[in-house]
Amino acid sequence: MPTARLLLIAAIASAFAGPARADDWAGPQVREVFSASRDHFVRVTPGTALGDTVGFAGAPKGAYATAEFYRRQADRSYRLTNAVTLRNPVAPVDFFVSDSGRMVTVDNWHNRGYGSVLALYDPAGKLVKAYALEDLFAKPEIDDFRRSVSSRHWHDGPVYINQDQRTLYMMVASGRDLILGLESGRFAYCETRGEKYLCRTTNADRRWLPYNAAAPQR
């Protein structure tokens, strides 16, 4: 059995006790995701910094995940435009690429809800904005999320880039959504409050506004 796998199993067995629900994760793999137009794709190669993930402080620390950005050329081939290091110690759980070549990563392998849970990169691979869970929600809200051994399960539903290719939609729970602008990096957290669907645009000034006044357009 590979050494990293042995360390992972040992860390889980020794670092956690009690009734927390165990996690079962497939090993991280190289993945490619295309934009809807197929004009762009990004290839993510997992990192080896297991020691930088929550719950595995004693494991080895290595390089973080990397991403290669590709763009389709006039002859229909793809050209590498940039290669960058991501905010993910091992790999994002999911990532999405827009028709403009922007990428959003969601969560961390074996660590949903920890680290950079959302990170937006421009078409050149430059980080635009990254959010930790504490940037999006107040502590009582975070405490209410279901937990497992190594994760905080803060969203449960579809995640996708909207047809406008300017925003990413995430269903946090039924009647609770998060919208991320793919150019600005601004977000709106929206939920049904009484009979109204209202949104807030920060976690600091928690004013609730009508959706049309709060949701990012880009």
Protein backbone atom coordinates (compact mmCIF):
# COMPACT_ATOMS: atom_id res chain seq x y z
CA MET A 1 0.00 0.00 0.00
CA PRO A 2 1.47 3.45 -0.87
CA THR A 3 3.06 5.33 2.01
CA ALA A 4 0.70 8.34 1.63
CA ARG A 5 -2.30 6.02 1.91
CA LEU A 6 -0.90 4.40 5.06
CA LEU A 7 -0.31 7.81 6.59
CA LEU A 8 -3.83 8.86 5.73
CA ILE A 9 -5.37 5.82 7.38
CA ALA A 10 -3.13 6.14 10.44
CA ALA A 11 -3.93 9.82 10.81
CA ILE A 12 -7.65 9.19 10.69
CA ALA A 13 -7.42 6.39 13.22
CA SER A 14 -5.25 8.28 15.71
CA ALA A 15 -6.34 11.90 15.35
CA PHE A 16 -10.08 11.50 15.67
CA ALA A 17 -12.26 9.80 18.23
CA GLY A 18 -15.91 9.86 19.18
CA PRO A 19 -19.13 9.59 17.19
CA ALA A 20 -18.14 11.77 14.22
CA ARG A 21 -19.12 10.21 10.92
CA ALA A 22 -16.20 8.71 8.98
CA ASP A 23 -15.24 9.97 5.52
CA ASP A 24 -14.61 7.82 2.48
CA TRP A 25 -12.64 9.59 -0.25
CA ALA A 26 -11.28 8.26 -3.50
CA GLY A 27 -7.69 9.21 -4.18
CA PRO A 28 -7.16 12.55 -5.98
CA GLN A 29 -6.57 12.32 -9.72
CA VAL A 30 -5.54 14.59 -12.59
CA ARG A 31 -8.73 16.09 -14.01
CA GLU A 32 -9.72 18.34 -16.92
CA VAL A 33 -12.82 20.53 -17.11
CA PHE A 34 -13.95 22.31 -20.29
CA SER A 35 -15.98 25.47 -20.63
CA ALA A 36 -19.45 25.08 -22.16
CA SER A 37 -18.17 26.60 -25.42
CA ARG A 38 -15.14 24.24 -25.44
CA ASP A 39 -12.94 27.28 -26.08
CA HIS A 40 -11.12 26.77 -22.77
CA PHE A 41 -10.18 23.94 -20.48
CA VAL A 42 -8.20 23.63 -17.28
CA ARG A 43 -6.20 20.62 -16.14
CA VAL A 44 -5.68 20.27 -12.39
CA THR A 45 -2.85 18.11 -11.06
CA PRO A 46 -3.12 17.14 -7.37
CA GLY A 47 -0.60 18.37 -4.86
CA THR A 48 1.15 16.43 -2.12
CA ALA A 49 0.70 18.79 0.84
CA LEU A 50 -1.38 16.39 2.94
CA GLY A 51 0.20 17.86 6.05
CA ASP A 52 -1.51 21.20 5.31
CA THR A 53 -4.99 19.70 5.45
CA VAL A 54 -7.16 19.74 8.58
CA GLY A 55 -6.58 16.70 10.75
CA PHE A 56 -3.30 15.59 9.18
CA ALA A 57 -0.74 17.95 10.71
CA GLY A 58 1.79 15.14 11.10
CA ALA A 59 1.64 14.06 7.47
CA PRO A 60 4.25 15.16 4.91
CA LYS A 61 4.03 18.66 3.42
CA GLY A 62 4.75 19.06 -0.26
CA ALA A 63 3.68 21.06 -3.28
CA TYR A 64 0.14 22.39 -3.63
CA ALA A 65 -2.17 21.48 -6.51
CA THR A 66 -1.44 23.11 -9.86
CA ALA A 67 -3.63 24.15 -12.79
CA GLU A 68 -2.81 24.45 -16.48
CA PHE A 69 -5.00 26.83 -18.48
CA TYR A 70 -5.57 26.00 -22.16
CA ARG A 71 -7.29 27.97 -24.94
CA ARG A 72 -8.51 26.74 -28.32
CA GLN A 73 -6.71 28.15 -31.35
CA ALA A 74 -7.89 28.94 -34.89
CA ASP A 75 -6.69 25.54 -36.11
CA ARG A 76 -8.80 23.87 -33.34
CA SER A 77 -5.78 22.83 -31.32
CA TYR A 78 -5.35 23.93 -27.72
CA ARG A 79 -2.47 26.06 -26.48
CA LEU A 80 -1.22 26.21 -22.92
CA THR A 81 -1.62 29.82 -21.77
CA ASN A 82 -0.46 29.57 -18.17
CA ALA A 83 0.31 27.22 -15.30
CA VAL A 84 -0.31 28.27 -11.70
CA THR A 85 -0.33 26.94 -8.15
CA LEU A 86 -3.77 26.72 -6.56
CA ARG A 87 -4.91 27.33 -2.99
CA ASN A 88 -5.63 23.61 -2.56
CA PRO A 89 -3.07 21.51 -0.64
CA VAL A 90 -4.13 18.35 -2.50
CA ALA A 91 -6.98 19.12 -4.93
CA PRO A 92 -10.30 20.93 -5.21
CA VAL A 93 -13.37 18.75 -4.83
CA ASP A 94 -14.89 20.40 -7.92
CA PHE A 95 -13.93 23.12 -10.34
CA PHE A 96 -15.72 24.97 -13.12
CA VAL A 97 -14.53 26.87 -16.20
CA SER A 98 -16.49 29.67 -17.86
CA ASP A 99 -16.61 30.56 -21.55
CA SER A 100 -14.25 33.45 -20.79
CA GLY A 101 -11.68 31.06 -19.29
CA ARG A 102 -12.29 31.91 -15.65
CA MET A 103 -12.12 29.09 -13.12
CA VAL A 104 -13.81 28.53 -9.76
CA THR A 105 -12.60 25.85 -7.37
CA VAL A 106 -14.97 24.47 -4.73
CA ASP A 107 -13.80 22.91 -1.45
CA ASN A 108 -10.70 20.86 -0.70
CA TRP A 109 -10.09 17.16 -1.12
CA HIS A 110 -10.78 15.38 2.18
CA ASN A 111 -11.56 18.78 3.72
CA ARG A 112 -14.94 20.09 2.58
CA GLY A 113 -15.64 23.32 4.39
CA TYR A 114 -12.02 24.00 5.36
CA GLY A 115 -9.40 26.22 3.75
CA SER A 116 -10.40 28.09 0.60
CA VAL A 117 -13.92 26.74 0.05
CA LEU A 118 -14.36 29.00 -3.00
CA ALA A 119 -11.56 30.45 -5.11
CA LEU A 120 -11.92 32.42 -8.35
CA TYR A 121 -9.12 32.68 -10.94
CA ASP A 122 -9.05 34.91 -14.01
CA PRO A 123 -8.27 33.53 -17.53
CA ALA A 124 -4.54 33.98 -16.90
CA GLY A 125 -4.76 31.92 -13.71
CA LYS A 126 -4.39 34.89 -11.36
CA LEU A 127 -6.31 34.59 -8.10
CA VAL A 128 -9.17 37.11 -8.01
CA LYS A 129 -10.81 36.15 -4.73
CA ALA A 130 -10.78 33.30 -2.23
CA TYR A 131 -13.24 32.66 0.57
CA ALA A 132 -13.00 30.61 3.72
CA LEU A 133 -16.23 29.41 5.28
CA GLU A 134 -15.81 32.08 7.95
CA ASP A 135 -15.92 34.76 5.24
CA LEU A 136 -19.36 33.59 4.14
CA PHE A 137 -21.17 32.59 7.34
CA ALA A 138 -21.39 33.52 11.00
CA LYS A 139 -20.14 31.04 13.61
CA PRO A 140 -23.64 29.88 14.69
CA GLU A 141 -24.43 29.12 11.04
CA ILE A 142 -21.18 27.20 10.62
CA ASP A 143 -21.85 25.27 13.82
CA ASP A 144 -25.16 24.13 12.36
CA PHE A 145 -23.56 22.50 9.32
CA ARG A 146 -23.31 18.72 9.42
CA ARG A 147 -19.81 17.53 10.27
CA SER A 148 -17.86 14.39 9.54
CA VAL A 149 -14.36 13.36 10.56
CA SER A 150 -12.56 15.78 8.25
CA SER A 151 -15.24 17.97 6.68
CA ARG A 152 -17.95 20.54 7.29
CA HIS A 153 -20.73 19.83 4.83
CA TRP A 154 -21.88 23.36 4.12
CA HIS A 155 -23.73 22.88 0.82
CA ASP A 156 -25.98 20.15 -0.43
CA GLY A 157 -27.25 20.52 -3.97
CA PRO A 158 -26.25 21.50 -7.49
CA VAL A 159 -23.33 23.79 -8.32
CA TYR A 160 -22.95 25.17 -11.83
CA ILE A 161 -22.09 28.18 -13.97
CA ASN A 162 -25.26 29.95 -15.05
CA GLN A 163 -26.16 30.32 -18.72
CA ASP A 164 -25.08 33.96 -18.60
CA GLN A 165 -21.51 32.68 -18.01
CA ARG A 166 -21.06 35.53 -15.54
CA THR A 167 -22.14 33.89 -12.30
CA LEU A 168 -21.80 30.60 -10.47
CA TYR A 169 -24.79 29.20 -8.60
CA MET A 170 -24.59 26.96 -5.56
CA MET A 171 -27.52 25.51 -3.62
CA VAL A 172 -26.53 25.55 0.04
CA ALA A 173 -29.82 23.93 1.06
CA SER A 174 -33.43 24.09 -0.02
CA GLY A 175 -34.34 27.79 -0.19
CA ARG A 176 -30.74 28.87 0.52
CA ASP A 177 -28.35 29.75 -2.29
CA LEU A 178 -24.99 31.36 -2.98
CA ILE A 179 -24.23 33.29 -6.18
CA LEU A 180 -20.65 34.23 -7.11
CA GLY A 181 -19.76 36.83 -9.73
CA LEU A 182 -17.15 35.37 -12.09
CA GLU A 183 -15.48 38.71 -12.88
CA SER A 184 -15.68 40.64 -9.62
CA GLY A 185 -15.55 37.76 -7.15
CA ARG A 186 -18.42 39.33 -5.23
CA PHE A 187 -20.95 36.98 -3.70
CA ALA A 188 -24.53 37.07 -2.51
CA TYR A 189 -25.97 34.62 -0.03
CA CYS A 190 -29.72 34.36 -0.47
CA GLU A 191 -32.48 32.61 1.43
CA THR A 192 -36.22 32.55 1.81
CA ARG A 193 -37.09 34.65 4.84
CA GLY A 194 -40.77 34.57 5.58
CA GLU A 195 -42.43 35.03 2.21
CA LYS A 196 -39.52 36.89 0.64
CA TYR A 197 -36.32 35.76 -1.06
CA LEU A 198 -33.63 38.07 0.31
CA CYS A 199 -29.85 38.29 0.01
CA ARG A 200 -26.85 39.67 1.84
CA THR A 201 -23.58 40.55 0.13
CA THR A 202 -21.14 40.32 3.05
CA ASN A 203 -20.78 38.41 6.29
CA ALA A 204 -19.98 41.59 8.21
CA ASP A 205 -22.81 43.96 7.31
CA ARG A 206 -25.65 41.45 7.25
CA ARG A 207 -28.35 43.61 5.71
CA TRP A 208 -30.92 41.62 3.77
CA LEU A 209 -31.82 43.05 0.37
CA PRO A 210 -34.10 42.01 -2.49
CA TYR A 211 -32.43 39.57 -4.86
CA ASN A 212 -32.35 42.02 -7.77
CA ALA A 213 -30.52 44.59 -5.67
CA ALA A 214 -27.96 42.21 -4.18
CA ALA A 215 -27.07 39.42 -6.60
CA PRO A 216 -23.80 39.98 -8.50
CA GLN A 217 -24.16 40.36 -12.24
CA ARG A 218 -20.57 39.50 -13.13
